Amino acid sequence: MTKLSQILIGLVNVIMAAVAALLGLRFILRLFAANPNNEFVNWIYETSGEILGPFRGIFTSPNLDGFVFDFTALFALMVYGIIGMLAMYLIAALTPSEERVVKKR
């Protein structure tokens, strides 16, 4: 694996970790009925709301006395995880390996 592919895969990992953290926090905060008027909770909801945009309306989220099981956030987490894995696979497949670089010399 070349330095370029390592850097690109590392970048994909960082982005995917940030997306997973935001969606995971959103799921937990909604599950335990966190106060949306709290600044941190509101920031998580607003930021993760942008990430959830393409998935809105796919599932309903059951609400039991304010406790919400957010299926949309879980589904988005799975889809973004799959996209991240595919991106890392494509980076590894499309960047030249060190063996190919050495053989050309």
PDB file of N, CA and C in Angstrom:
ATOM      1  N   MET A   1       0.850  -1.163   0.000  1.00  0.00           N
ATOM      2  CA  MET A   1       0.000   0.000   0.000  1.00  0.00           C
ATOM      3  C   MET A   1       0.905   1.238   0.000  1.00  0.00           C
ATOM      4  N   THR A   2       0.608   2.171  -0.867  1.00  0.00           N
ATOM      5  CA  THR A   2       1.436   3.367  -0.974  1.00  0.00           C
ATOM      6  C   THR A   2       1.044   4.392   0.087  1.00  0.00           C
ATOM      7  N   LYS A   3       1.881   5.371   0.211  1.00  0.00           N
ATOM      8  CA  LYS A   3       1.639   6.450   1.179  1.00  0.00           C
ATOM      9  C   LYS A   3       0.335   7.177   0.863  1.00  0.00           C
ATOM     10  N   LEU A   4       0.080   7.414  -0.433  1.00  0.00           N
ATOM     11  CA  LEU A   4      -1.152   8.090  -0.842  1.00  0.00           C
ATOM     12  C   LEU A   4      -2.380   7.315  -0.414  1.00  0.00           C
ATOM     13  N   SER A   5      -2.398   6.015  -0.661  1.00  0.00           N
ATOM     14  CA  SER A   5      -3.571   5.227  -0.291  1.00  0.00           C
ATOM     15  C   SER A   5      -3.738   5.174   1.227  1.00  0.00           C
ATOM     16  N   GLN A   6      -2.635   5.144   1.967  1.00  0.00           N
ATOM     17  CA  GLN A   6      -2.724   5.159   3.430  1.00  0.00           C
ATOM     18  C   GLN A   6      -3.335   6.464   3.924  1.00  0.00           C
ATOM     19  N   ILE A   7      -2.930   7.564   3.318  1.00  0.00           N
ATOM     20  CA  ILE A   7      -3.473   8.871   3.713  1.00  0.00           C
ATOM     21  C   ILE A   7      -4.957   8.950   3.384  1.00  0.00           C
ATOM     22  N   LEU A   8      -5.331   8.521   2.184  1.00  0.00           N
ATOM     23  CA  LEU A   8      -6.740   8.575   1.776  1.00  0.00           C
ATOM     24  C   LEU A   8      -7.609   7.669   2.638  1.00  0.00           C
ATOM     25  N   ILE A   9      -7.136   6.471   2.930  1.00  0.00           N
ATOM     26  CA  ILE A   9      -7.900   5.554   3.778  1.00  0.00           C
ATOM     27  C   ILE A   9      -8.010   6.122   5.193  1.00  0.00           C
ATOM     28  N   GLY A  10      -6.946   6.738   5.686  1.00  0.00           N
ATOM     29  CA  GLY A  10      -7.003   7.391   6.993  1.00  0.00           C
ATOM     30  C   GLY A  10      -8.021   8.517   7.027  1.00  0.00           C
ATOM     31  N   LEU A  11      -8.087   9.297   5.944  1.00  0.00           N
ATOM     32  CA  LEU A  11      -9.061  10.380   5.842  1.00  0.00           C
ATOM     33  C   LEU A  11     -10.484   9.835   5.854  1.00  0.00           C
ATOM     34  N   VAL A  12     -10.728   8.767   5.098  1.00  0.00           N
ATOM     35  CA  VAL A  12     -12.052   8.138   5.085  1.00  0.00           C
ATOM     36  C   VAL A  12     -12.397   7.638   6.488  1.00  0.00           C
ATOM     37  N   ASN A  13     -11.431   7.050   7.183  1.00  0.00           N
ATOM     38  CA  ASN A  13     -11.674   6.563   8.543  1.00  0.00           C
ATOM     39  C   ASN A  13     -12.052   7.698   9.492  1.00  0.00           C
ATOM     40  N   VAL A  14     -11.364   8.831   9.384  1.00  0.00           N
ATOM     41  CA  VAL A  14     -11.667   9.964  10.256  1.00  0.00           C
ATOM     42  C   VAL A  14     -13.075  10.494   9.984  1.00  0.00           C
ATOM     43  N   ILE A  15     -13.407  10.633   8.710  1.00  0.00           N
ATOM     44  CA  ILE A  15     -14.742  11.119   8.345  1.00  0.00           C
ATOM     45  C   ILE A  15     -15.813  10.145   8.830  1.00  0.00           C
ATOM     46  N   MET A  16     -15.592   8.861   8.624  1.00  0.00           N
ATOM     47  CA  MET A  16     -16.581   7.864   9.045  1.00  0.00           C
ATOM     48  C   MET A  16     -16.710   7.820  10.569  1.00  0.00           C
ATOM     49  N   ALA A  17     -15.624   8.014  11.289  1.00  0.00           N
ATOM     50  CA  ALA A  17     -15.693   8.040  12.752  1.00  0.00           C
ATOM     51  C   ALA A  17     -16.511   9.240  13.233  1.00  0.00           C
ATOM     52  N   ALA A  18     -16.336  10.391  12.580  1.00  0.00           N
ATOM     53  CA  ALA A  18     -17.104  11.580  12.954  1.00  0.00           C
ATOM     54  C   ALA A  18     -18.596  11.380  12.674  1.00  0.00           C
ATOM     55  N   VAL A  19     -18.912  10.820  11.510  1.00  0.00           N
ATOM     56  CA  VAL A  19     -20.312  10.557  11.154  1.00  0.00           C
ATOM     57  C   VAL A  19     -20.926   9.553  12.138  1.00  0.00           C
ATOM     58  N   ALA A  20     -20.186   8.491  12.443  1.00  0.00           N
ATOM     59  CA  ALA A  20     -20.693   7.473  13.373  1.00  0.00           C
ATOM     60  C   ALA A  20     -20.894   8.057  14.769  1.00  0.00           C
ATOM     61  N   ALA A  21     -19.976   8.913  15.206  1.00  0.00           N
ATOM     62  CA  ALA A  21     -20.115   9.528  16.531  1.00  0.00           C
ATOM     63  C   ALA A  21     -21.346  10.425  16.589  1.00  0.00           C
ATOM     64  N   LEU A  22     -21.556  11.238  15.562  1.00  0.00           N
ATOM     65  CA  LEU A  22     -22.721  12.127  15.545  1.00  0.00           C
ATOM     66  C   LEU A  22     -24.029  11.341  15.513  1.00  0.00           C
ATOM     67  N   LEU A  23     -24.100  10.351  14.637  1.00  0.00           N
ATOM     68  CA  LEU A  23     -25.332   9.568  14.535  1.00  0.00           C
ATOM     69  C   LEU A  23     -25.562   8.719  15.782  1.00  0.00           C
ATOM     70  N   GLY A  24     -24.495   8.175  16.340  1.00  0.00           N
ATOM     71  CA  GLY A  24     -24.625   7.389  17.565  1.00  0.00           C
ATOM     72  C   GLY A  24     -25.089   8.241  18.732  1.00  0.00           C
ATOM     73  N   LEU A  25     -24.510   9.441  18.876  1.00  0.00           N
ATOM     74  CA  LEU A  25     -24.958  10.348  19.935  1.00  0.00           C
ATOM     75  C   LEU A  25     -26.410  10.762  19.733  1.00  0.00           C
ATOM     76  N   ARG A  26     -26.772  11.044  18.492  1.00  0.00           N
ATOM     77  CA  ARG A  26     -28.165  11.406  18.211  1.00  0.00           C
ATOM     78  C   ARG A  26     -29.110  10.286  18.631  1.00  0.00           C
ATOM     79  N   PHE A  27     -28.763   9.054  18.275  1.00  0.00           N
ATOM     80  CA  PHE A  27     -29.608   7.914  18.614  1.00  0.00           C
ATOM     81  C   PHE A  27     -29.767   7.798  20.135  1.00  0.00           C
ATOM     82  N   ILE A  28     -28.655   7.893  20.855  1.00  0.00           N
ATOM     83  CA  ILE A  28     -28.699   7.742  22.319  1.00  0.00           C
ATOM     84  C   ILE A  28     -29.457   8.898  22.971  1.00  0.00           C
ATOM     85  N   LEU A  29     -29.201  10.116  22.517  1.00  0.00           N
ATOM     86  CA  LEU A  29     -29.897  11.265  23.098  1.00  0.00           C
ATOM     87  C   LEU A  29     -31.395  11.200  22.863  1.00  0.00           C
ATOM     88  N   ARG A  30     -31.804  10.799  21.680  1.00  0.00           N
ATOM     89  CA  ARG A  30     -33.248  10.678  21.403  1.00  0.00           C
ATOM     90  C   ARG A  30     -33.850   9.499  22.160  1.00  0.00           C
ATOM     91  N   LEU A  31     -33.098   8.419  22.281  1.00  0.00           N
ATOM     92  CA  LEU A  31     -33.587   7.237  22.999  1.00  0.00           C
ATOM     93  C   LEU A  31     -33.890   7.567  24.450  1.00  0.00           C
ATOM     94  N   PHE A  32     -33.028   8.380  25.067  1.00  0.00           N
ATOM     95  CA  PHE A  32     -33.211   8.716  26.474  1.00  0.00           C
ATOM     96  C   PHE A  32     -33.870  10.076  26.685  1.00  0.00           C
ATOM     97  N   ALA A  33     -34.513  10.594  25.649  1.00  0.00           N
ATOM     98  CA  ALA A  33     -35.310  11.823  25.712  1.00  0.00           C
ATOM     99  C   ALA A  33     -34.521  12.999  26.278  1.00  0.00           C
ATOM    100  N   ALA A  34     -33.338  13.230  25.726  1.00  0.00           N
ATOM    101  CA  ALA A  34     -32.520  14.359  26.160  1.00  0.00           C
ATOM    102  C   ALA A  34     -33.237  15.671  25.848  1.00  0.00           C
ATOM    103  N   ASN A  35     -32.990  16.665  26.656  1.00  0.00           N
ATOM    104  CA  ASN A  35     -33.626  17.967  26.515  1.00  0.00           C
ATOM    105  C   ASN A  35     -33.105  18.665  25.255  1.00  0.00           C
ATOM    106  N   PRO A  36     -33.944  18.858  24.235  1.00  0.00           N
ATOM    107  CA  PRO A  36     -33.481  19.503  22.999  1.00  0.00           C
ATOM    108  C   PRO A  36     -33.150  20.986  23.180  1.00  0.00           C
ATOM    109  N   ASN A  37     -33.530  21.584  24.319  1.00  0.00           N
ATOM    110  CA  ASN A  37     -33.204  22.981  24.582  1.00  0.00           C
ATOM    111  C   ASN A  37     -31.780  23.151  25.109  1.00  0.00           C
ATOM    112  N   ASN A  38     -31.149  22.050  25.496  1.00  0.00           N
ATOM    113  CA  ASN A  38     -29.756  22.090  25.918  1.00  0.00           C
ATOM    114  C   ASN A  38     -28.900  22.393  24.697  1.00  0.00           C
ATOM    115  N   GLU A  39     -27.889  23.255  24.844  1.00  0.00           N
ATOM    116  CA  GLU A  39     -27.081  23.683  23.703  1.00  0.00           C
ATOM    117  C   GLU A  39     -26.354  22.521  23.026  1.00  0.00           C
ATOM    118  N   PHE A  40     -25.763  21.627  23.825  1.00  0.00           N
ATOM    119  CA  PHE A  40     -25.032  20.494  23.250  1.00  0.00           C
ATOM    120  C   PHE A  40     -25.974  19.552  22.512  1.00  0.00           C
ATOM    121  N   VAL A  41     -27.085  19.224  23.134  1.00  0.00           N
ATOM    122  CA  VAL A  41     -28.061  18.322  22.511  1.00  0.00           C
ATOM    123  C   VAL A  41     -28.590  18.941  21.228  1.00  0.00           C
ATOM    124  N   ASN A  42     -28.909  20.219  21.274  1.00  0.00           N
ATOM    125  CA  ASN A  42     -29.406  20.919  20.087  1.00  0.00           C
ATOM    126  C   ASN A  42     -28.366  20.910  18.979  1.00  0.00           C
ATOM    127  N   TRP A  43     -27.087  21.122  19.326  1.00  0.00           N
ATOM    128  CA  TRP A  43     -26.016  21.095  18.328  1.00  0.00           C
ATOM    129  C   TRP A  43     -25.913  19.714  17.681  1.00  0.00           C
ATOM    130  N   ILE A  44     -25.980  18.657  18.490  1.00  0.00           N
ATOM    131  CA  ILE A  44     -25.929  17.285  17.954  1.00  0.00           C
ATOM    132  C   ILE A  44     -27.108  17.056  17.014  1.00  0.00           C
ATOM    133  N   TYR A  45     -28.305  17.469  17.421  1.00  0.00           N
ATOM    134  CA  TYR A  45     -29.486  17.281  16.571  1.00  0.00           C
ATOM    135  C   TYR A  45     -29.360  18.042  15.254  1.00  0.00           C
ATOM    136  N   GLU A  46     -28.899  19.285  15.317  1.00  0.00           N
ATOM    137  CA  GLU A  46     -28.772  20.081  14.088  1.00  0.00           C
ATOM    138  C   GLU A  46     -27.695  19.522  13.163  1.00  0.00           C
ATOM    139  N   THR A  47     -26.543  19.183  13.727  1.00  0.00           N
ATOM    140  CA  THR A  47     -25.438  18.689  12.913  1.00  0.00           C
ATOM    141  C   THR A  47     -25.764  17.333  12.309  1.00  0.00           C
ATOM    142  N   SER A  48     -26.294  16.433  13.107  1.00  0.00           N
ATOM    143  CA  SER A  48     -26.625  15.103  12.585  1.00  0.00           C
ATOM    144  C   SER A  48     -27.848  15.163  11.680  1.00  0.00           C
ATOM    145  N   GLY A  49     -28.679  16.171  11.852  1.00  0.00           N
ATOM    146  CA  GLY A  49     -29.837  16.329  10.976  1.00  0.00           C
ATOM    147  C   GLY A  49     -29.434  16.532   9.528  1.00  0.00           C
ATOM    148  N   GLU A  50     -28.321  17.240   9.314  1.00  0.00           N
ATOM    149  CA  GLU A  50     -27.806  17.433   7.959  1.00  0.00           C
ATOM    150  C   GLU A  50     -27.369  16.095   7.356  1.00  0.00           C
ATOM    151  N   ILE A  51     -26.762  15.263   8.163  1.00  0.00           N
ATOM    152  CA  ILE A  51     -26.283  13.957   7.697  1.00  0.00           C
ATOM    153  C   ILE A  51     -27.457  13.033   7.399  1.00  0.00           C
ATOM    154  N   LEU A  52     -28.551  13.196   8.145  1.00  0.00           N
ATOM    155  CA  LEU A  52     -29.723  12.331   7.970  1.00  0.00           C
ATOM    156  C   LEU A  52     -30.617  12.753   6.806  1.00  0.00           C
ATOM    157  N   GLY A  53     -30.348  13.900   6.216  1.00  0.00           N
ATOM    158  CA  GLY A  53     -31.199  14.437   5.154  1.00  0.00           C
ATOM    159  C   GLY A  53     -31.667  13.435   4.113  1.00  0.00           C
ATOM    160  N   PRO A  54     -30.757  12.663   3.500  1.00  0.00           N
ATOM    161  CA  PRO A  54     -31.192  11.732   2.445  1.00  0.00           C
ATOM    162  C   PRO A  54     -32.075  10.584   2.947  1.00  0.00           C
ATOM    163  N   PHE A  55     -32.120  10.380   4.243  1.00  0.00           N
ATOM    164  CA  PHE A  55     -32.836   9.227   4.786  1.00  0.00           C
ATOM    165  C   PHE A  55     -34.160   9.593   5.462  1.00  0.00           C
ATOM    166  N   ARG A  56     -34.478  10.854   5.500  1.00  0.00           N
ATOM    167  CA  ARG A  56     -35.719  11.287   6.155  1.00  0.00           C
ATOM    168  C   ARG A  56     -36.931  10.691   5.455  1.00  0.00           C
ATOM    169  N   GLY A  57     -37.873  10.247   6.262  1.00  0.00           N
ATOM    170  CA  GLY A  57     -39.132   9.734   5.740  1.00  0.00           C
ATOM    171  C   GLY A  57     -39.110   8.267   5.357  1.00  0.00           C
ATOM    172  N   ILE A  58     -37.988   7.606   5.479  1.00  0.00           N
ATOM    173  CA  ILE A  58     -37.942   6.180   5.139  1.00  0.00           C
ATOM    174  C   ILE A  58     -38.639   5.364   6.216  1.00  0.00           C
ATOM    175  N   PHE A  59     -38.345   5.667   7.474  1.00  0.00           N
ATOM    176  CA  PHE A  59     -38.917   4.931   8.601  1.00  0.00           C
ATOM    177  C   PHE A  59     -39.625   5.893   9.537  1.00  0.00           C
ATOM    178  N   THR A  60     -40.594   5.360  10.267  1.00  0.00           N
ATOM    179  CA  THR A  60     -41.174   6.118  11.368  1.00  0.00           C
ATOM    180  C   THR A  60     -40.398   5.741  12.624  1.00  0.00           C
ATOM    181  N   SER A  61     -40.346   6.668  13.547  1.00  0.00           N
ATOM    182  CA  SER A  61     -39.639   6.417  14.799  1.00  0.00           C
ATOM    183  C   SER A  61     -40.658   6.357  15.927  1.00  0.00           C
ATOM    184  N   PRO A  62     -40.818   5.189  16.540  1.00  0.00           N
ATOM    185  CA  PRO A  62     -41.797   5.075  17.618  1.00  0.00           C
ATOM    186  C   PRO A  62     -41.436   5.983  18.791  1.00  0.00           C
ATOM    187  N   ASN A  63     -42.445   6.635  19.344  1.00  0.00           N
ATOM    188  CA  ASN A  63     -42.268   7.571  20.445  1.00  0.00           C
ATOM    189  C   ASN A  63     -43.088   7.079  21.626  1.00  0.00           C
ATOM    190  N   LEU A  64     -42.412   6.794  22.732  1.00  0.00           N
ATOM    191  CA  LEU A  64     -43.084   6.329  23.936  1.00  0.00           C
ATOM    192  C   LEU A  64     -42.735   7.282  25.076  1.00  0.00           C
ATOM    193  N   ASP A  65     -43.648   8.201  25.358  1.00  0.00           N
ATOM    194  CA  ASP A  65     -43.448   9.203  26.416  1.00  0.00           C
ATOM    195  C   ASP A  65     -42.154   9.987  26.238  1.00  0.00           C
ATOM    196  N   GLY A  66     -41.829  10.367  25.011  1.00  0.00           N
ATOM    197  CA  GLY A  66     -40.650  11.157  24.745  1.00  0.00           C
ATOM    198  C   GLY A  66     -39.419  10.344  24.388  1.00  0.00           C
ATOM    199  N   PHE A  67     -39.424   9.058  24.695  1.00  0.00           N
ATOM    200  CA  PHE A  67     -38.307   8.185  24.350  1.00  0.00           C
ATOM    201  C   PHE A  67     -38.496   7.726  22.903  1.00  0.00           C
ATOM    202  N   VAL A  68     -37.539   8.058  22.045  1.00  0.00           N
ATOM    203  CA  VAL A  68     -37.678   7.798  20.613  1.00  0.00           C
ATOM    204  C   VAL A  68     -36.620   6.797  20.172  1.00  0.00           C
ATOM    205  N   PHE A  69     -37.076   5.742  19.497  1.00  0.00           N
ATOM    206  CA  PHE A  69     -36.154   4.780  18.888  1.00  0.00           C
ATOM    207  C   PHE A  69     -35.987   5.215  17.441  1.00  0.00           C
ATOM    208  N   ASP A  70     -34.861   5.855  17.138  1.00  0.00           N
ATOM    209  CA  ASP A  70     -34.636   6.508  15.851  1.00  0.00           C
ATOM    210  C   ASP A  70     -34.085   5.517  14.818  1.00  0.00           C
ATOM    211  N   PHE A  71     -34.998   4.831  14.121  1.00  0.00           N
ATOM    212  CA  PHE A  71     -34.595   3.870  13.095  1.00  0.00           C
ATOM    213  C   PHE A  71     -33.847   4.552  11.952  1.00  0.00           C
ATOM    214  N   THR A  72     -34.213   5.797  11.663  1.00  0.00           N
ATOM    215  CA  THR A  72     -33.554   6.532  10.581  1.00  0.00           C
ATOM    216  C   THR A  72     -32.068   6.712  10.871  1.00  0.00           C
ATOM    217  N   ALA A  73     -31.725   7.060  12.112  1.00  0.00           N
ATOM    218  CA  ALA A  73     -30.320   7.238  12.473  1.00  0.00           C
ATOM    219  C   ALA A  73     -29.562   5.913  12.372  1.00  0.00           C
ATOM    220  N   LEU A  74     -30.172   4.832  12.799  1.00  0.00           N
ATOM    221  CA  LEU A  74     -29.519   3.519  12.702  1.00  0.00           C
ATOM    222  C   LEU A  74     -29.304   3.106  11.250  1.00  0.00           C
ATOM    223  N   PHE A  75     -30.315   3.339  10.421  1.00  0.00           N
ATOM    224  CA  PHE A  75     -30.204   2.992   9.005  1.00  0.00           C
ATOM    225  C   PHE A  75     -29.114   3.831   8.337  1.00  0.00           C
ATOM    226  N   ALA A  76     -29.097   5.135   8.633  1.00  0.00           N
ATOM    227  CA  ALA A  76     -28.070   6.017   8.062  1.00  0.00           C
ATOM    228  C   ALA A  76     -26.686   5.577   8.514  1.00  0.00           C
ATOM    229  N   LEU A  77     -26.557   5.171   9.759  1.00  0.00           N
ATOM    230  CA  LEU A  77     -25.276   4.690  10.269  1.00  0.00           C
ATOM    231  C   LEU A  77     -24.802   3.472   9.485  1.00  0.00           C
ATOM    232  N   MET A  78     -25.713   2.548   9.186  1.00  0.00           N
ATOM    233  CA  MET A  78     -25.349   1.364   8.397  1.00  0.00           C
ATOM    234  C   MET A  78     -24.969   1.743   6.971  1.00  0.00           C
ATOM    235  N   VAL A  79     -25.753   2.598   6.344  1.00  0.00           N
ATOM    236  CA  VAL A  79     -25.485   2.978   4.954  1.00  0.00           C
ATOM    237  C   VAL A  79     -24.160   3.724   4.841  1.00  0.00           C
ATOM    238  N   TYR A  80     -23.924   4.678   5.737  1.00  0.00           N
ATOM    239  CA  TYR A  80     -22.652   5.411   5.697  1.00  0.00           C
ATOM    240  C   TYR A  80     -21.475   4.485   5.997  1.00  0.00           C
ATOM    241  N   GLY A  81     -21.670   3.506   6.856  1.00  0.00           N
ATOM    242  CA  GLY A  81     -20.614   2.523   7.117  1.00  0.00           C
ATOM    243  C   GLY A  81     -20.277   1.722   5.876  1.00  0.00           C
ATOM    244  N   ILE A  82     -21.296   1.291   5.149  1.00  0.00           N
ATOM    245  CA  ILE A  82     -21.079   0.540   3.906  1.00  0.00           C
ATOM    246  C   ILE A  82     -20.382   1.424   2.868  1.00  0.00           C
ATOM    247  N   ILE A  83     -20.813   2.680   2.757  1.00  0.00           N
ATOM    248  CA  ILE A  83     -20.185   3.602   1.819  1.00  0.00           C
ATOM    249  C   ILE A  83     -18.715   3.804   2.178  1.00  0.00           C
ATOM    250  N   GLY A  84     -18.416   3.938   3.454  1.00  0.00           N
ATOM    251  CA  GLY A  84     -17.038   4.100   3.898  1.00  0.00           C
ATOM    252  C   GLY A  84     -16.186   2.888   3.576  1.00  0.00           C
ATOM    253  N   MET A  85     -16.733   1.696   3.805  1.00  0.00           N
ATOM    254  CA  MET A  85     -15.982   0.478   3.481  1.00  0.00           C
ATOM    255  C   MET A  85     -15.732   0.373   1.984  1.00  0.00           C
ATOM    256  N   LEU A  86     -16.746   0.694   1.176  1.00  0.00           N
ATOM    257  CA  LEU A  86     -16.567   0.672  -0.282  1.00  0.00           C
ATOM    258  C   LEU A  86     -15.529   1.692  -0.731  1.00  0.00           C
ATOM    259  N   ALA A  87     -15.545   2.868  -0.124  1.00  0.00           N
ATOM    260  CA  ALA A  87     -14.563   3.897  -0.480  1.00  0.00           C
ATOM    261  C   ALA A  87     -13.149   3.413  -0.170  1.00  0.00           C
ATOM    262  N   MET A  88     -12.964   2.780   0.991  1.00  0.00           N
ATOM    263  CA  MET A  88     -11.628   2.277   1.341  1.00  0.00           C
ATOM    264  C   MET A  88     -11.198   1.148   0.404  1.00  0.00           C
ATOM    265  N   TYR A  89     -12.138   0.300   0.024  1.00  0.00           N
ATOM    266  CA  TYR A  89     -11.824  -0.767  -0.928  1.00  0.00           C
ATOM    267  C   TYR A  89     -11.416  -0.182  -2.275  1.00  0.00           C
ATOM    268  N   LEU A  90     -12.166   0.803  -2.751  1.00  0.00           N
ATOM    269  CA  LEU A  90     -11.841   1.421  -4.038  1.00  0.00           C
ATOM    270  C   LEU A  90     -10.492   2.139  -4.001  1.00  0.00           C
ATOM    271  N   ILE A  91     -10.210   2.806  -2.907  1.00  0.00           N
ATOM    272  CA  ILE A  91      -8.910   3.475  -2.779  1.00  0.00           C
ATOM    273  C   ILE A  91      -7.790   2.452  -2.857  1.00  0.00           C
ATOM    274  N   ALA A  92      -7.950   1.348  -2.122  1.00  0.00           N
ATOM    275  CA  ALA A  92      -6.913   0.309  -2.135  1.00  0.00           C
ATOM    276  C   ALA A  92      -6.785  -0.328  -3.516  1.00  0.00           C
ATOM    277  N   ALA A  93      -7.901  -0.493  -4.211  1.00  0.00           N
ATOM    278  CA  ALA A  93      -7.874  -1.148  -5.520  1.00  0.00           C
ATOM    279  C   ALA A  93      -7.346  -0.225  -6.623  1.00  0.00           C
ATOM    280  N   LEU A  94      -7.615   1.071  -6.513  1.00  0.00           N
ATOM    281  CA  LEU A  94      -7.272   1.987  -7.599  1.00  0.00           C
ATOM    282  C   LEU A  94      -5.916   2.667  -7.440  1.00  0.00           C
ATOM    283  N   THR A  95      -5.353   2.650  -6.250  1.00  0.00           N
ATOM    284  CA  THR A  95      -4.028   3.242  -6.086  1.00  0.00           C
ATOM    285  C   THR A  95      -2.982   2.163  -6.316  1.00  0.00           C
ATOM    286  N   PRO A  96      -1.883   2.517  -6.933  1.00  0.00           N
ATOM    287  CA  PRO A  96      -0.868   1.494  -7.229  1.00  0.00           C
ATOM    288  C   PRO A  96      -0.244   0.957  -5.943  1.00  0.00           C
ATOM    289  N   SER A  97      -0.019  -0.343  -5.931  1.00  0.00           N
ATOM    290  CA  SER A  97       0.632  -0.941  -4.766  1.00  0.00           C
ATOM    291  C   SER A  97       2.135  -0.750  -4.897  1.00  0.00           C
ATOM    292  N   GLU A  98       2.849  -0.886  -3.794  1.00  0.00           N
ATOM    293  CA  GLU A  98       4.299  -0.718  -3.827  1.00  0.00           C
ATOM    294  C   GLU A  98       4.957  -1.772  -4.713  1.00  0.00           C
ATOM    295  N   GLU A  99       4.372  -2.973  -4.774  1.00  0.00           N
ATOM    296  CA  GLU A  99       4.933  -4.032  -5.627  1.00  0.00           C
ATOM    297  C   GLU A  99       4.908  -3.608  -7.088  1.00  0.00           C
ATOM    298  N   ARG A 100       3.794  -3.030  -7.526  1.00  0.00           N
ATOM    299  CA  ARG A 100       3.692  -2.591  -8.917  1.00  0.00           C
ATOM    300  C   ARG A 100       4.626  -1.425  -9.195  1.00  0.00           C
ATOM    301  N   VAL A 101       4.788  -0.549  -8.215  1.00  0.00           N
ATOM    302  CA  VAL A 101       5.688   0.594  -8.394  1.00  0.00           C
ATOM    303  C   VAL A 101       7.132   0.105  -8.492  1.00  0.00           C
ATOM    304  N   VAL A 102       7.522  -0.844  -7.658  1.00  0.00           N
ATOM    305  CA  VAL A 102       8.885  -1.384  -7.658  1.00  0.00           C
ATOM    306  C   VAL A 102       9.177  -2.148  -8.955  1.00  0.00           C
ATOM    307  N   LYS A 103       8.213  -2.924  -9.461  1.00  0.00           N
ATOM    308  CA  LYS A 103       8.405  -3.702 -10.695  1.00  0.00           C
ATOM    309  C   LYS A 103       8.603  -2.801 -11.894  1.00  0.00           C
ATOM    310  N   LYS A 104       8.023  -1.617 -11.909  1.00  0.00           N
ATOM    311  CA  LYS A 104       8.167  -0.713 -13.047  1.00  0.00           C
ATOM    312  C   LYS A 104       9.569  -0.108 -13.122  1.00  0.00           C
ATOM    313  N   ARG A 105      10.259  -0.055 -12.029  1.00  0.00           N
ATOM    314  CA  ARG A 105      11.591   0.563 -12.015  1.00  0.00           C
ATOM    315  C   ARG A 105      12.593  -0.310 -12.647  1.00  0.00           C
TER     316      ARG A 105
END
